[in-house]
Amino acid sequence: MFDKLNEAQKQADAVKTRLANIAVTGSASGDKVKVTADGNRKIKEIEISDELMQADRKEELQDLLIMAIDDAMEQADNVAQSEMKAVMSAMLPGLSSIFGKK
């Protein structure tokens, strides 16, 4: 039993390491705002077009940042979910139907 738990922990650590090396980018308003995150949902970079860096566009910029961050986080979630499905299916092949495989 403990061997299985140790193996599961090792697999989870390996997934986290792989996810740290995967970059996803969310964007808003035709790439005027781009947010890059890793598969562990850590924001790595934010790019903002110069045209949005004006005081009278502050509220628009804030809204676009939220949209781009949400997009990046959704992509990171999808990548993490795919990685975990693959690990769980390999560890528990008899239960693969739970993870969407038949």
PDB file of N, CA and C in Angstrom:
ATOM      1  N   MET A   1       0.824  -1.202   0.000  1.00  0.00           N
ATOM      2  CA  MET A   1       0.000   0.000   0.000  1.00  0.00           C
ATOM      3  C   MET A   1       0.862   1.257   0.000  1.00  0.00           C
ATOM      4  N   PHE A   2       1.891   1.279   0.862  1.00  0.00           N
ATOM      5  CA  PHE A   2       2.762   2.450   0.920  1.00  0.00           C
ATOM      6  C   PHE A   2       3.567   2.621  -0.369  1.00  0.00           C
ATOM      7  N   ASP A   3       3.894   1.488  -1.013  1.00  0.00           N
ATOM      8  CA  ASP A   3       4.595   1.576  -2.287  1.00  0.00           C
ATOM      9  C   ASP A   3       3.748   2.300  -3.322  1.00  0.00           C
ATOM     10  N   LYS A   4       2.457   2.000  -3.336  1.00  0.00           N
ATOM     11  CA  LYS A   4       1.533   2.668  -4.270  1.00  0.00           C
ATOM     12  C   LYS A   4       1.438   4.165  -3.961  1.00  0.00           C
ATOM     13  N   LEU A   5       1.386   4.498  -2.675  1.00  0.00           N
ATOM     14  CA  LEU A   5       1.321   5.906  -2.288  1.00  0.00           C
ATOM     15  C   LEU A   5       2.596   6.652  -2.673  1.00  0.00           C
ATOM     16  N   ASN A   6       3.741   6.019  -2.447  1.00  0.00           N
ATOM     17  CA  ASN A   6       5.011   6.633  -2.835  1.00  0.00           C
ATOM     18  C   ASN A   6       5.081   6.831  -4.345  1.00  0.00           C
ATOM     19  N   GLU A   7       4.624   5.829  -5.084  1.00  0.00           N
ATOM     20  CA  GLU A   7       4.619   5.932  -6.545  1.00  0.00           C
ATOM     21  C   GLU A   7       3.687   7.053  -6.994  1.00  0.00           C
ATOM     22  N   ALA A   8       2.531   7.163  -6.362  1.00  0.00           N
ATOM     23  CA  ALA A   8       1.589   8.234  -6.704  1.00  0.00           C
ATOM     24  C   ALA A   8       2.206   9.602  -6.421  1.00  0.00           C
ATOM     25  N   GLN A   9       2.918   9.733  -5.313  1.00  0.00           N
ATOM     26  CA  GLN A   9       3.567  10.994  -4.974  1.00  0.00           C
ATOM     27  C   GLN A   9       4.651  11.336  -5.992  1.00  0.00           C
ATOM     28  N   LYS A  10       5.428  10.336  -6.382  1.00  0.00           N
ATOM     29  CA  LYS A  10       6.465  10.560  -7.386  1.00  0.00           C
ATOM     30  C   LYS A  10       5.850  11.000  -8.707  1.00  0.00           C
ATOM     31  N   GLN A  11       4.751  10.353  -9.085  1.00  0.00           N
ATOM     32  CA  GLN A  11       4.069  10.718 -10.334  1.00  0.00           C
ATOM     33  C   GLN A  11       3.525  12.143 -10.258  1.00  0.00           C
ATOM     34  N   ALA A  12       2.936  12.498  -9.116  1.00  0.00           N
ATOM     35  CA  ALA A  12       2.391  13.851  -8.944  1.00  0.00           C
ATOM     36  C   ALA A  12       3.520  14.886  -9.020  1.00  0.00           C
ATOM     37  N   ASP A  13       4.659  14.592  -8.416  1.00  0.00           N
ATOM     38  CA  ASP A  13       5.811  15.499  -8.482  1.00  0.00           C
ATOM     39  C   ASP A  13       6.313  15.637  -9.921  1.00  0.00           C
ATOM     40  N   ALA A  14       6.321  14.530 -10.653  1.00  0.00           N
ATOM     41  CA  ALA A  14       6.760  14.563 -12.046  1.00  0.00           C
ATOM     42  C   ALA A  14       5.816  15.414 -12.894  1.00  0.00           C
ATOM     43  N   VAL A  15       4.516  15.307 -12.621  1.00  0.00           N
ATOM     44  CA  VAL A  15       3.534  16.112 -13.350  1.00  0.00           C
ATOM     45  C   VAL A  15       3.761  17.591 -13.066  1.00  0.00           C
ATOM     46  N   LYS A  16       3.966  17.934 -11.800  1.00  0.00           N
ATOM     47  CA  LYS A  16       4.217  19.340 -11.450  1.00  0.00           C
ATOM     48  C   LYS A  16       5.449  19.881 -12.170  1.00  0.00           C
ATOM     49  N   THR A  17       6.476  19.064 -12.252  1.00  0.00           N
ATOM     50  CA  THR A  17       7.691  19.479 -12.940  1.00  0.00           C
ATOM     51  C   THR A  17       7.424  19.697 -14.429  1.00  0.00           C
ATOM     52  N   ARG A  18       6.686  18.762 -15.049  1.00  0.00           N
ATOM     53  CA  ARG A  18       6.350  18.927 -16.467  1.00  0.00           C
ATOM     54  C   ARG A  18       5.503  20.172 -16.680  1.00  0.00           C
ATOM     55  N   LEU A  19       4.531  20.385 -15.798  1.00  0.00           N
ATOM     56  CA  LEU A  19       3.647  21.541 -15.934  1.00  0.00           C
ATOM     57  C   LEU A  19       4.412  22.856 -15.792  1.00  0.00           C
ATOM     58  N   ALA A  20       5.450  22.872 -14.984  1.00  0.00           N
ATOM     59  CA  ALA A  20       6.251  24.085 -14.811  1.00  0.00           C
ATOM     60  C   ALA A  20       6.968  24.465 -16.102  1.00  0.00           C
ATOM     61  N   ASN A  21       7.159  23.500 -16.982  1.00  0.00           N
ATOM     62  CA  ASN A  21       7.857  23.744 -18.242  1.00  0.00           C
ATOM     63  C   ASN A  21       6.913  23.953 -19.423  1.00  0.00           C
ATOM     64  N   ILE A  22       5.623  23.986 -19.173  1.00  0.00           N
ATOM     65  CA  ILE A  22       4.635  24.213 -20.223  1.00  0.00           C
ATOM     66  C   ILE A  22       4.130  25.644 -20.102  1.00  0.00           C
ATOM     67  N   ALA A  23       4.186  26.367 -21.199  1.00  0.00           N
ATOM     68  CA  ALA A  23       3.711  27.750 -21.207  1.00  0.00           C
ATOM     69  C   ALA A  23       2.393  27.832 -21.968  1.00  0.00           C
ATOM     70  N   VAL A  24       1.448  28.555 -21.398  1.00  0.00           N
ATOM     71  CA  VAL A  24       0.174  28.836 -22.066  1.00  0.00           C
ATOM     72  C   VAL A  24      -0.002  30.350 -22.059  1.00  0.00           C
ATOM     73  N   THR A  25      -0.636  30.861 -23.108  1.00  0.00           N
ATOM     74  CA  THR A  25      -0.825  32.304 -23.206  1.00  0.00           C
ATOM     75  C   THR A  25      -2.290  32.625 -23.415  1.00  0.00           C
ATOM     76  N   GLY A  26      -2.792  33.474 -22.551  1.00  0.00           N
ATOM     77  CA  GLY A  26      -4.142  33.993 -22.699  1.00  0.00           C
ATOM     78  C   GLY A  26      -4.053  35.389 -23.267  1.00  0.00           C
ATOM     79  N   SER A  27      -5.061  35.770 -24.034  1.00  0.00           N
ATOM     80  CA  SER A  27      -5.012  37.103 -24.625  1.00  0.00           C
ATOM     81  C   SER A  27      -6.393  37.732 -24.637  1.00  0.00           C
ATOM     82  N   ALA A  28      -6.396  39.034 -24.878  1.00  0.00           N
ATOM     83  CA  ALA A  28      -7.650  39.778 -24.965  1.00  0.00           C
ATOM     84  C   ALA A  28      -7.482  40.890 -25.990  1.00  0.00           C
ATOM     85  N   SER A  29      -8.578  41.243 -26.601  1.00  0.00           N
ATOM     86  CA  SER A  29      -8.651  42.360 -27.546  1.00  0.00           C
ATOM     87  C   SER A  29      -7.602  42.239 -28.648  1.00  0.00           C
ATOM     88  N   GLY A  30      -7.627  41.085 -29.329  1.00  0.00           N
ATOM     89  CA  GLY A  30      -6.708  40.910 -30.447  1.00  0.00           C
ATOM     90  C   GLY A  30      -5.252  40.978 -30.061  1.00  0.00           C
ATOM     91  N   ASP A  31      -4.901  40.385 -28.962  1.00  0.00           N
ATOM     92  CA  ASP A  31      -3.520  40.325 -28.457  1.00  0.00           C
ATOM     93  C   ASP A  31      -2.985  41.670 -27.968  1.00  0.00           C
ATOM     94  N   LYS A  32      -3.862  42.619 -27.684  1.00  0.00           N
ATOM     95  CA  LYS A  32      -3.397  43.879 -27.099  1.00  0.00           C
ATOM     96  C   LYS A  32      -2.905  43.646 -25.680  1.00  0.00           C
ATOM     97  N   VAL A  33      -3.472  42.613 -25.031  1.00  0.00           N
ATOM     98  CA  VAL A  33      -3.016  42.193 -23.705  1.00  0.00           C
ATOM     99  C   VAL A  33      -2.786  40.693 -23.775  1.00  0.00           C
ATOM    100  N   LYS A  34      -1.570  40.258 -23.387  1.00  0.00           N
ATOM    101  CA  LYS A  34      -1.247  38.836 -23.362  1.00  0.00           C
ATOM    102  C   LYS A  34      -0.679  38.480 -21.991  1.00  0.00           C
ATOM    103  N   VAL A  35      -1.135  37.348 -21.473  1.00  0.00           N
ATOM    104  CA  VAL A  35      -0.663  36.850 -20.180  1.00  0.00           C
ATOM    105  C   VAL A  35      -0.160  35.431 -20.396  1.00  0.00           C
ATOM    106  N   THR A  36       1.082  35.193 -20.016  1.00  0.00           N
ATOM    107  CA  THR A  36       1.672  33.866 -20.136  1.00  0.00           C
ATOM    108  C   THR A  36       1.819  33.271 -18.745  1.00  0.00           C
ATOM    109  N   ALA A  37       1.380  32.029 -18.620  1.00  0.00           N
ATOM    110  CA  ALA A  37       1.465  31.299 -17.350  1.00  0.00           C
ATOM    111  C   ALA A  37       2.036  29.919 -17.626  1.00  0.00           C
ATOM    112  N   ASP A  38       2.491  29.258 -16.572  1.00  0.00           N
ATOM    113  CA  ASP A  38       2.902  27.869 -16.744  1.00  0.00           C
ATOM    114  C   ASP A  38       1.732  26.956 -16.405  1.00  0.00           C
ATOM    115  N   GLY A  39       1.924  25.677 -16.596  1.00  0.00           N
ATOM    116  CA  GLY A  39       0.860  24.718 -16.346  1.00  0.00           C
ATOM    117  C   GLY A  39       0.462  24.608 -14.887  1.00  0.00           C
ATOM    118  N   ASN A  40       1.256  25.170 -13.996  1.00  0.00           N
ATOM    119  CA  ASN A  40       0.931  25.198 -12.571  1.00  0.00           C
ATOM    120  C   ASN A  40       0.205  26.479 -12.171  1.00  0.00           C
ATOM    121  N   ARG A  41      -0.250  27.240 -13.162  1.00  0.00           N
ATOM    122  CA  ARG A  41      -1.024  28.463 -12.957  1.00  0.00           C
ATOM    123  C   ARG A  41      -0.204  29.608 -12.360  1.00  0.00           C
ATOM    124  N   LYS A  42       1.087  29.613 -12.618  1.00  0.00           N
ATOM    125  CA  LYS A  42       1.945  30.707 -12.173  1.00  0.00           C
ATOM    126  C   LYS A  42       2.133  31.668 -13.352  1.00  0.00           C
ATOM    127  N   ILE A  43       1.786  32.932 -13.138  1.00  0.00           N
ATOM    128  CA  ILE A  43       1.933  33.936 -14.190  1.00  0.00           C
ATOM    129  C   ILE A  43       3.416  34.223 -14.376  1.00  0.00           C
ATOM    130  N   LYS A  44       3.858  34.158 -15.619  1.00  0.00           N
ATOM    131  CA  LYS A  44       5.272  34.354 -15.934  1.00  0.00           C
ATOM    132  C   LYS A  44       5.525  35.669 -16.654  1.00  0.00           C
ATOM    133  N   GLU A  45       4.538  36.157 -17.398  1.00  0.00           N
ATOM    134  CA  GLU A  45       4.762  37.371 -18.174  1.00  0.00           C
ATOM    135  C   GLU A  45       3.420  38.029 -18.511  1.00  0.00           C
ATOM    136  N   ILE A  46       3.441  39.342 -18.553  1.00  0.00           N
ATOM    137  CA  ILE A  46       2.283  40.127 -18.995  1.00  0.00           C
ATOM    138  C   ILE A  46       2.783  41.126 -20.030  1.00  0.00           C
ATOM    139  N   GLU A  47       2.140  41.115 -21.198  1.00  0.00           N
ATOM    140  CA  GLU A  47       2.476  42.059 -22.261  1.00  0.00           C
ATOM    141  C   GLU A  47       1.267  42.948 -22.517  1.00  0.00           C
ATOM    142  N   ILE A  48       1.514  44.256 -22.591  1.00  0.00           N
ATOM    143  CA  ILE A  48       0.449  45.227 -22.826  1.00  0.00           C
ATOM    144  C   ILE A  48       0.887  46.129 -23.967  1.00  0.00           C
ATOM    145  N   SER A  49       0.011  46.283 -24.968  1.00  0.00           N
ATOM    146  CA  SER A  49       0.360  47.156 -26.093  1.00  0.00           C
ATOM    147  C   SER A  49       0.465  48.602 -25.621  1.00  0.00           C
ATOM    148  N   ASP A  50       1.309  49.342 -26.274  1.00  0.00           N
ATOM    149  CA  ASP A  50       1.545  50.742 -25.901  1.00  0.00           C
ATOM    150  C   ASP A  50       0.267  51.580 -25.950  1.00  0.00           C
ATOM    151  N   GLU A  51      -0.617  51.274 -26.888  1.00  0.00           N
ATOM    152  CA  GLU A  51      -1.825  52.086 -27.026  1.00  0.00           C
ATOM    153  C   GLU A  51      -2.738  52.020 -25.800  1.00  0.00           C
ATOM    154  N   LEU A  52      -2.603  50.973 -25.002  1.00  0.00           N
ATOM    155  CA  LEU A  52      -3.430  50.850 -23.801  1.00  0.00           C
ATOM    156  C   LEU A  52      -2.802  51.519 -22.581  1.00  0.00           C
ATOM    157  N   MET A  53      -1.589  52.028 -22.725  1.00  0.00           N
ATOM    158  CA  MET A  53      -0.875  52.618 -21.600  1.00  0.00           C
ATOM    159  C   MET A  53      -1.157  54.125 -21.480  1.00  0.00           C
ATOM    160  N   GLN A  54      -2.414  54.471 -21.530  1.00  0.00           N
ATOM    161  CA  GLN A  54      -2.834  55.860 -21.402  1.00  0.00           C
ATOM    162  C   GLN A  54      -3.799  55.968 -20.227  1.00  0.00           C
ATOM    163  N   ALA A  55      -3.722  57.043 -19.509  1.00  0.00           N
ATOM    164  CA  ALA A  55      -4.542  57.222 -18.307  1.00  0.00           C
ATOM    165  C   ALA A  55      -6.028  57.088 -18.593  1.00  0.00           C
ATOM    166  N   ASP A  56      -6.474  57.569 -19.749  1.00  0.00           N
ATOM    167  CA  ASP A  56      -7.903  57.516 -20.046  1.00  0.00           C
ATOM    168  C   ASP A  56      -8.374  56.120 -20.462  1.00  0.00           C
ATOM    169  N   ARG A  57      -7.452  55.159 -20.563  1.00  0.00           N
ATOM    170  CA  ARG A  57      -7.806  53.787 -20.936  1.00  0.00           C
ATOM    171  C   ARG A  57      -7.574  52.806 -19.781  1.00  0.00           C
ATOM    172  N   LYS A  58      -7.396  53.355 -18.588  1.00  0.00           N
ATOM    173  CA  LYS A  58      -7.085  52.528 -17.420  1.00  0.00           C
ATOM    174  C   LYS A  58      -8.145  51.456 -17.186  1.00  0.00           C
ATOM    175  N   GLU A  59      -9.411  51.827 -17.194  1.00  0.00           N
ATOM    176  CA  GLU A  59     -10.481  50.864 -16.929  1.00  0.00           C
ATOM    177  C   GLU A  59     -10.528  49.779 -18.000  1.00  0.00           C
ATOM    178  N   GLU A  60     -10.337  50.164 -19.247  1.00  0.00           N
ATOM    179  CA  GLU A  60     -10.301  49.185 -20.343  1.00  0.00           C
ATOM    180  C   GLU A  60      -9.147  48.209 -20.134  1.00  0.00           C
ATOM    181  N   LEU A  61      -7.986  48.737 -19.771  1.00  0.00           N
ATOM    182  CA  LEU A  61      -6.819  47.891 -19.528  1.00  0.00           C
ATOM    183  C   LEU A  61      -7.081  46.909 -18.396  1.00  0.00           C
ATOM    184  N   GLN A  62      -7.684  47.374 -17.330  1.00  0.00           N
ATOM    185  CA  GLN A  62      -7.999  46.489 -16.204  1.00  0.00           C
ATOM    186  C   GLN A  62      -8.924  45.361 -16.649  1.00  0.00           C
ATOM    187  N   ASP A  63      -9.950  45.690 -17.421  1.00  0.00           N
ATOM    188  CA  ASP A  63     -10.880  44.668 -17.912  1.00  0.00           C
ATOM    189  C   ASP A  63     -10.177  43.656 -18.814  1.00  0.00           C
ATOM    190  N   LEU A  64      -9.314  44.159 -19.694  1.00  0.00           N
ATOM    191  CA  LEU A  64      -8.592  43.268 -20.602  1.00  0.00           C
ATOM    192  C   LEU A  64      -7.610  42.376 -19.867  1.00  0.00           C
ATOM    193  N   LEU A  65      -6.982  42.908 -18.824  1.00  0.00           N
ATOM    194  CA  LEU A  65      -6.084  42.080 -18.011  1.00  0.00           C
ATOM    195  C   LEU A  65      -6.835  40.924 -17.365  1.00  0.00           C
ATOM    196  N   ILE A  66      -7.998  41.209 -16.835  1.00  0.00           N
ATOM    197  CA  ILE A  66      -8.806  40.151 -16.215  1.00  0.00           C
ATOM    198  C   ILE A  66      -9.164  39.093 -17.246  1.00  0.00           C
ATOM    199  N   MET A  67      -9.567  39.528 -18.428  1.00  0.00           N
ATOM    200  CA  MET A  67      -9.937  38.578 -19.480  1.00  0.00           C
ATOM    201  C   MET A  67      -8.743  37.716 -19.892  1.00  0.00           C
ATOM    202  N   ALA A  68      -7.583  38.325 -20.073  1.00  0.00           N
ATOM    203  CA  ALA A  68      -6.398  37.586 -20.491  1.00  0.00           C
ATOM    204  C   ALA A  68      -5.925  36.622 -19.398  1.00  0.00           C
ATOM    205  N   ILE A  69      -5.983  37.057 -18.153  1.00  0.00           N
ATOM    206  CA  ILE A  69      -5.595  36.177 -17.042  1.00  0.00           C
ATOM    207  C   ILE A  69      -6.553  34.998 -16.948  1.00  0.00           C
ATOM    208  N   ASP A  70      -7.840  35.257 -17.048  1.00  0.00           N
ATOM    209  CA  ASP A  70      -8.819  34.165 -17.027  1.00  0.00           C
ATOM    210  C   ASP A  70      -8.559  33.171 -18.145  1.00  0.00           C
ATOM    211  N   ASP A  71      -8.250  33.668 -19.332  1.00  0.00           N
ATOM    212  CA  ASP A  71      -7.965  32.811 -20.479  1.00  0.00           C
ATOM    213  C   ASP A  71      -6.731  31.951 -20.218  1.00  0.00           C
ATOM    214  N   ALA A  72      -5.675  32.558 -19.709  1.00  0.00           N
ATOM    215  CA  ALA A  72      -4.447  31.809 -19.407  1.00  0.00           C
ATOM    216  C   ALA A  72      -4.689  30.758 -18.327  1.00  0.00           C
ATOM    217  N   MET A  73      -5.436  31.102 -17.296  1.00  0.00           N
ATOM    218  CA  MET A  73      -5.699  30.152 -16.213  1.00  0.00           C
ATOM    219  C   MET A  73      -6.542  28.972 -16.709  1.00  0.00           C
ATOM    220  N   GLU A  74      -7.495  29.249 -17.581  1.00  0.00           N
ATOM    221  CA  GLU A  74      -8.313  28.170 -18.148  1.00  0.00           C
ATOM    222  C   GLU A  74      -7.433  27.219 -18.964  1.00  0.00           C
ATOM    223  N   GLN A  75      -6.532  27.776 -19.754  1.00  0.00           N
ATOM    224  CA  GLN A  75      -5.626  26.939 -20.532  1.00  0.00           C
ATOM    225  C   GLN A  75      -4.707  26.129 -19.624  1.00  0.00           C
ATOM    226  N   ALA A  76      -4.214  26.747 -18.569  1.00  0.00           N
ATOM    227  CA  ALA A  76      -3.357  26.030 -17.613  1.00  0.00           C
ATOM    228  C   ALA A  76      -4.125  24.896 -16.946  1.00  0.00           C
ATOM    229  N   ASP A  77      -5.370  25.145 -16.582  1.00  0.00           N
ATOM    230  CA  ASP A  77      -6.210  24.095 -15.991  1.00  0.00           C
ATOM    231  C   ASP A  77      -6.382  22.926 -16.954  1.00  0.00           C
ATOM    232  N   ASN A  78      -6.624  23.235 -18.222  1.00  0.00           N
ATOM    233  CA  ASN A  78      -6.816  22.180 -19.223  1.00  0.00           C
ATOM    234  C   ASN A  78      -5.557  21.340 -19.392  1.00  0.00           C
ATOM    235  N   VAL A  79      -4.405  21.981 -19.417  1.00  0.00           N
ATOM    236  CA  VAL A  79      -3.140  21.262 -19.544  1.00  0.00           C
ATOM    237  C   VAL A  79      -2.913  20.377 -18.309  1.00  0.00           C
ATOM    238  N   ALA A  80      -3.136  20.927 -17.131  1.00  0.00           N
ATOM    239  CA  ALA A  80      -2.938  20.164 -15.890  1.00  0.00           C
ATOM    240  C   ALA A  80      -3.887  18.977 -15.834  1.00  0.00           C
ATOM    241  N   GLN A  81      -5.124  19.188 -16.225  1.00  0.00           N
ATOM    242  CA  GLN A  81      -6.101  18.108 -16.213  1.00  0.00           C
ATOM    243  C   GLN A  81      -5.693  16.988 -17.174  1.00  0.00           C
ATOM    244  N   SER A  82      -5.206  17.351 -18.348  1.00  0.00           N
ATOM    245  CA  SER A  82      -4.755  16.342 -19.312  1.00  0.00           C
ATOM    246  C   SER A  82      -3.577  15.543 -18.771  1.00  0.00           C
ATOM    247  N   GLU A  83      -2.639  16.241 -18.140  1.00  0.00           N
ATOM    248  CA  GLU A  83      -1.477  15.556 -17.565  1.00  0.00           C
ATOM    249  C   GLU A  83      -1.903  14.583 -16.467  1.00  0.00           C
ATOM    250  N   MET A  84      -2.800  15.021 -15.601  1.00  0.00           N
ATOM    251  CA  MET A  84      -3.246  14.157 -14.502  1.00  0.00           C
ATOM    252  C   MET A  84      -4.039  12.962 -15.025  1.00  0.00           C
ATOM    253  N   LYS A  85      -4.850  13.158 -16.047  1.00  0.00           N
ATOM    254  CA  LYS A  85      -5.593  12.041 -16.638  1.00  0.00           C
ATOM    255  C   LYS A  85      -4.637  10.985 -17.158  1.00  0.00           C
ATOM    256  N   ALA A  86      -3.588  11.437 -17.837  1.00  0.00           N
ATOM    257  CA  ALA A  86      -2.617  10.494 -18.382  1.00  0.00           C
ATOM    258  C   ALA A  86      -1.930   9.701 -17.274  1.00  0.00           C
ATOM    259  N   VAL A  87      -1.542  10.380 -16.206  1.00  0.00           N
ATOM    260  CA  VAL A  87      -0.876   9.702 -15.088  1.00  0.00           C
ATOM    261  C   VAL A  87      -1.827   8.734 -14.407  1.00  0.00           C
ATOM    262  N   MET A  88      -3.042   9.180 -14.140  1.00  0.00           N
ATOM    263  CA  MET A  88      -4.008   8.316 -13.446  1.00  0.00           C
ATOM    264  C   MET A  88      -4.393   7.118 -14.301  1.00  0.00           C
ATOM    265  N   SER A  89      -4.545   7.312 -15.588  1.00  0.00           N
ATOM    266  CA  SER A  89      -4.881   6.194 -16.469  1.00  0.00           C
ATOM    267  C   SER A  89      -3.767   5.162 -16.497  1.00  0.00           C
ATOM    268  N   ALA A  90      -2.526   5.625 -16.463  1.00  0.00           N
ATOM    269  CA  ALA A  90      -1.395   4.707 -16.455  1.00  0.00           C
ATOM    270  C   ALA A  90      -1.290   3.958 -15.132  1.00  0.00           C
ATOM    271  N   MET A  91      -1.603   4.654 -14.031  1.00  0.00           N
ATOM    272  CA  MET A  91      -1.496   4.029 -12.714  1.00  0.00           C
ATOM    273  C   MET A  91      -2.675   3.111 -12.414  1.00  0.00           C
ATOM    274  N   LEU A  92      -3.851   3.491 -12.906  1.00  0.00           N
ATOM    275  CA  LEU A  92      -5.069   2.740 -12.613  1.00  0.00           C
ATOM    276  C   LEU A  92      -5.796   2.403 -13.912  1.00  0.00           C
ATOM    277  N   PRO A  93      -5.226   1.522 -14.735  1.00  0.00           N
ATOM    278  CA  PRO A  93      -5.815   1.268 -16.044  1.00  0.00           C
ATOM    279  C   PRO A  93      -7.242   0.726 -15.977  1.00  0.00           C
ATOM    280  N   GLY A  94      -7.605   0.041 -14.942  1.00  0.00           N
ATOM    281  CA  GLY A  94      -8.950  -0.499 -14.808  1.00  0.00           C
ATOM    282  C   GLY A  94      -9.998   0.574 -14.595  1.00  0.00           C
ATOM    283  N   LEU A  95      -9.557   1.772 -14.193  1.00  0.00           N
ATOM    284  CA  LEU A  95     -10.477   2.863 -13.915  1.00  0.00           C
ATOM    285  C   LEU A  95     -10.446   3.943 -14.979  1.00  0.00           C
ATOM    286  N   SER A  96      -9.880   3.623 -16.132  1.00  0.00           N
ATOM    287  CA  SER A  96      -9.708   4.658 -17.160  1.00  0.00           C
ATOM    288  C   SER A  96     -11.017   5.235 -17.658  1.00  0.00           C
ATOM    289  N   SER A  97     -12.107   4.505 -17.548  1.00  0.00           N
ATOM    290  CA  SER A  97     -13.397   5.043 -18.015  1.00  0.00           C
ATOM    291  C   SER A  97     -13.844   6.235 -17.175  1.00  0.00           C
ATOM    292  N   ILE A  98     -13.401   6.318 -15.943  1.00  0.00           N
ATOM    293  CA  ILE A  98     -13.729   7.459 -15.093  1.00  0.00           C
ATOM    294  C   ILE A  98     -13.108   8.727 -15.663  1.00  0.00           C
ATOM    295  N   PHE A  99     -11.971   8.581 -16.323  1.00  0.00           N
ATOM    296  CA  PHE A  99     -11.249   9.737 -16.826  1.00  0.00           C
ATOM    297  C   PHE A  99     -11.556  10.016 -18.293  1.00  0.00           C
ATOM    298  N   GLY A 100     -12.642   9.481 -18.783  1.00  0.00           N
ATOM    299  CA  GLY A 100     -13.095   9.822 -20.119  1.00  0.00           C
ATOM    300  C   GLY A 100     -12.646   8.884 -21.208  1.00  0.00           C
ATOM    301  N   LYS A 101     -11.944   7.834 -20.890  1.00  0.00           N
ATOM    302  CA  LYS A 101     -11.528   6.856 -21.915  1.00  0.00           C
ATOM    303  C   LYS A 101     -12.381   5.630 -21.788  1.00  0.00           C
ATOM    304  N   LYS A 102     -12.662   5.037 -22.919  1.00  0.00           N
ATOM    305  CA  LYS A 102     -13.479   3.814 -22.907  1.00  0.00           C
ATOM    306  C   LYS A 102     -12.725   2.686 -23.537  1.00  0.00           C
TER     307      LYS A 102
END
